């Protein structure tokens, strides 16, 4: 697949909106934001953001799920505030980069 700025921008916008407007804990917000990015493939990001996307996936799927919960939910349940804030900043930075490319 080829980098699609519009689709990527839309998904990142939804993720940032969740981070900014949800009243849930930061861990839950970052998990919900990431879930909005799941339909995207790595190559739908510019090359310089693909490692950030990989990092998000790696960090948000570390814990094996139990029962009916998914790995994102299992991971965010044990995630520290500092890690959740770090990942939130990554999502916002990715959005900023895409928005700059999309709008230029």
C-alpha atoms as a PDB file:
ATOM      1  CA  UNK A   1       0.000   0.000   0.000  1.00  0.00           C
ATOM      2  CA  UNK A   2       1.147   3.561  -0.571  1.00  0.00           C
ATOM      3  CA  UNK A   3       1.200   6.385   1.962  1.00  0.00           C
ATOM      4  CA  UNK A   4      -2.239   7.994   1.951  1.00  0.00           C
ATOM      5  CA  UNK A   5      -2.092  11.336   3.710  1.00  0.00           C
ATOM      6  CA  UNK A   6      -5.860  11.856   3.879  1.00  0.00           C
ATOM      7  CA  UNK A   7      -6.736   8.506   5.478  1.00  0.00           C
ATOM      8  CA  UNK A   8      -3.743   8.633   7.796  1.00  0.00           C
ATOM      9  CA  UNK A   9      -4.577  12.204   8.803  1.00  0.00           C
ATOM     10  CA  UNK A  10      -8.211  11.280   9.511  1.00  0.00           C
ATOM     11  CA  UNK A  11      -7.283   8.336  11.719  1.00  0.00           C
ATOM     12  CA  UNK A  12      -4.672  10.328  13.645  1.00  0.00           C
ATOM     13  CA  UNK A  13      -7.127  13.205  14.073  1.00  0.00           C
ATOM     14  CA  UNK A  14      -9.663  10.817  15.627  1.00  0.00           C
ATOM     15  CA  UNK A  15      -6.938   9.444  17.915  1.00  0.00           C
ATOM     16  CA  UNK A  16      -5.872  12.917  19.067  1.00  0.00           C
ATOM     17  CA  UNK A  17      -9.489  13.902  19.596  1.00  0.00           C
ATOM     18  CA  UNK A  18      -9.968  10.923  21.914  1.00  0.00           C
ATOM     19  CA  UNK A  19      -6.839  11.864  23.845  1.00  0.00           C
ATOM     20  CA  UNK A  20      -8.087  15.429  24.232  1.00  0.00           C
ATOM     21  CA  UNK A  21     -11.777  14.947  24.961  1.00  0.00           C
ATOM     22  CA  UNK A  22     -12.302  11.652  26.753  1.00  0.00           C
ATOM     23  CA  UNK A  23     -12.734  11.749  30.509  1.00  0.00           C
ATOM     24  CA  UNK A  24     -11.250   8.264  30.919  1.00  0.00           C
ATOM     25  CA  UNK A  25      -7.876   7.629  32.544  1.00  0.00           C
ATOM     26  CA  UNK A  26      -4.880   8.415  30.322  1.00  0.00           C
ATOM     27  CA  UNK A  27      -4.174   4.691  29.904  1.00  0.00           C
ATOM     28  CA  UNK A  28      -7.674   4.058  28.559  1.00  0.00           C
ATOM     29  CA  UNK A  29      -7.504   7.116  26.303  1.00  0.00           C
ATOM     30  CA  UNK A  30      -4.216   6.040  24.743  1.00  0.00           C
ATOM     31  CA  UNK A  31      -5.593   2.533  24.206  1.00  0.00           C
ATOM     32  CA  UNK A  32      -8.764   3.871  22.579  1.00  0.00           C
ATOM     33  CA  UNK A  33      -6.716   6.264  20.451  1.00  0.00           C
ATOM     34  CA  UNK A  34      -4.505   3.420  19.261  1.00  0.00           C
ATOM     35  CA  UNK A  35      -7.534   1.295  18.364  1.00  0.00           C
ATOM     36  CA  UNK A  36      -8.518   4.031  15.882  1.00  0.00           C
ATOM     37  CA  UNK A  37      -5.124   3.588  14.224  1.00  0.00           C
ATOM     38  CA  UNK A  38      -5.407  -0.197  13.870  1.00  0.00           C
ATOM     39  CA  UNK A  39      -7.000  -0.128  10.387  1.00  0.00           C
ATOM     40  CA  UNK A  40      -3.851   1.601   9.127  1.00  0.00           C
ATOM     41  CA  UNK A  41      -0.907  -0.342   7.796  1.00  0.00           C
ATOM     42  CA  UNK A  42       2.692   0.652   8.427  1.00  0.00           C
ATOM     43  CA  UNK A  43       3.211   1.734   4.817  1.00  0.00           C
ATOM     44  CA  UNK A  44       0.305   4.180   5.092  1.00  0.00           C
ATOM     45  CA  UNK A  45       2.669   6.381   7.085  1.00  0.00           C
ATOM     46  CA  UNK A  46       5.582   8.346   5.663  1.00  0.00           C
ATOM     47  CA  UNK A  47       8.852   6.478   6.077  1.00  0.00           C
ATOM     48  CA  UNK A  48       9.996   8.726   8.918  1.00  0.00           C
ATOM     49  CA  UNK A  49       6.903   7.824  11.015  1.00  0.00           C
ATOM     50  CA  UNK A  50       6.808   4.083  10.394  1.00  0.00           C
ATOM     51  CA  UNK A  51       9.065   3.320  13.360  1.00  0.00           C
ATOM     52  CA  UNK A  52       6.775   5.397  15.619  1.00  0.00           C
ATOM     53  CA  UNK A  53       3.807   3.367  14.439  1.00  0.00           C
ATOM     54  CA  UNK A  54       5.726   0.136  15.112  1.00  0.00           C
ATOM     55  CA  UNK A  55       6.646   1.421  18.595  1.00  0.00           C
ATOM     56  CA  UNK A  56       2.993   2.134  19.405  1.00  0.00           C
ATOM     57  CA  UNK A  57       1.980  -1.351  18.343  1.00  0.00           C
ATOM     58  CA  UNK A  58       4.788  -2.932  20.329  1.00  0.00           C
ATOM     59  CA  UNK A  59       4.114  -0.914  23.487  1.00  0.00           C
ATOM     60  CA  UNK A  60       0.315  -1.277  23.391  1.00  0.00           C
ATOM     61  CA  UNK A  61       0.195  -5.036  22.786  1.00  0.00           C
ATOM     62  CA  UNK A  62       2.836  -6.226  25.282  1.00  0.00           C
ATOM     63  CA  UNK A  63       0.503  -8.039  27.671  1.00  0.00           C
ATOM     64  CA  UNK A  64      -1.234 -11.267  26.726  1.00  0.00           C
ATOM     65  CA  UNK A  65      -5.006 -10.904  27.065  1.00  0.00           C
ATOM     66  CA  UNK A  66      -7.110 -13.087  29.301  1.00  0.00           C
ATOM     67  CA  UNK A  67     -10.738 -13.875  28.796  1.00  0.00           C
ATOM     68  CA  UNK A  68     -12.494 -11.648  26.289  1.00  0.00           C
ATOM     69  CA  UNK A  69     -10.260  -8.592  26.612  1.00  0.00           C
ATOM     70  CA  UNK A  70      -7.816  -7.796  23.838  1.00  0.00           C
ATOM     71  CA  UNK A  71      -4.088  -7.225  24.194  1.00  0.00           C
ATOM     72  CA  UNK A  72      -4.518  -3.429  24.101  1.00  0.00           C
ATOM     73  CA  UNK A  73      -6.931  -3.502  27.052  1.00  0.00           C
ATOM     74  CA  UNK A  74      -4.721  -5.957  28.943  1.00  0.00           C
ATOM     75  CA  UNK A  75      -1.688  -3.747  28.367  1.00  0.00           C
ATOM     76  CA  UNK A  76      -3.326  -0.458  29.316  1.00  0.00           C
ATOM     77  CA  UNK A  77      -4.681  -1.977  32.551  1.00  0.00           C
ATOM     78  CA  UNK A  78      -1.110  -2.374  33.851  1.00  0.00           C
ATOM     79  CA  UNK A  79       0.436   0.656  32.133  1.00  0.00           C
ATOM     80  CA  UNK A  80       1.957   3.444  34.210  1.00  0.00           C
ATOM     81  CA  UNK A  81       0.853   7.054  33.848  1.00  0.00           C
ATOM     82  CA  UNK A  82       4.314   7.986  32.566  1.00  0.00           C
ATOM     83  CA  UNK A  83       4.227   5.348  29.808  1.00  0.00           C
ATOM     84  CA  UNK A  84       0.697   6.366  28.790  1.00  0.00           C
ATOM     85  CA  UNK A  85       1.745  10.021  28.617  1.00  0.00           C
ATOM     86  CA  UNK A  86       4.810   9.094  26.533  1.00  0.00           C
ATOM     87  CA  UNK A  87       2.672   7.145  24.059  1.00  0.00           C
ATOM     88  CA  UNK A  88       0.092   9.935  23.937  1.00  0.00           C
ATOM     89  CA  UNK A  89       2.849  12.372  23.023  1.00  0.00           C
ATOM     90  CA  UNK A  90       3.965  10.009  20.264  1.00  0.00           C
ATOM     91  CA  UNK A  91       0.447   9.964  18.784  1.00  0.00           C
ATOM     92  CA  UNK A  92       0.173  13.765  18.949  1.00  0.00           C
ATOM     93  CA  UNK A  93       3.610  14.168  17.343  1.00  0.00           C
ATOM     94  CA  UNK A  94       2.653  11.776  14.554  1.00  0.00           C
ATOM     95  CA  UNK A  95      -0.536  13.746  13.974  1.00  0.00           C
ATOM     96  CA  UNK A  96       1.418  17.003  13.879  1.00  0.00           C
ATOM     97  CA  UNK A  97       3.840  15.608  11.305  1.00  0.00           C
ATOM     98  CA  UNK A  98       1.033  14.286   9.091  1.00  0.00           C
ATOM     99  CA  UNK A  99      -0.959  17.513   9.387  1.00  0.00           C
ATOM    100  CA  UNK A 100       2.063  19.543   8.309  1.00  0.00           C
ATOM    101  CA  UNK A 101       2.634  17.286   5.298  1.00  0.00           C
ATOM    102  CA  UNK A 102      -1.079  17.152   4.476  1.00  0.00           C
ATOM    103  CA  UNK A 103      -1.547  20.918   4.651  1.00  0.00           C
ATOM    104  CA  UNK A 104       1.599  21.908   2.774  1.00  0.00           C
END
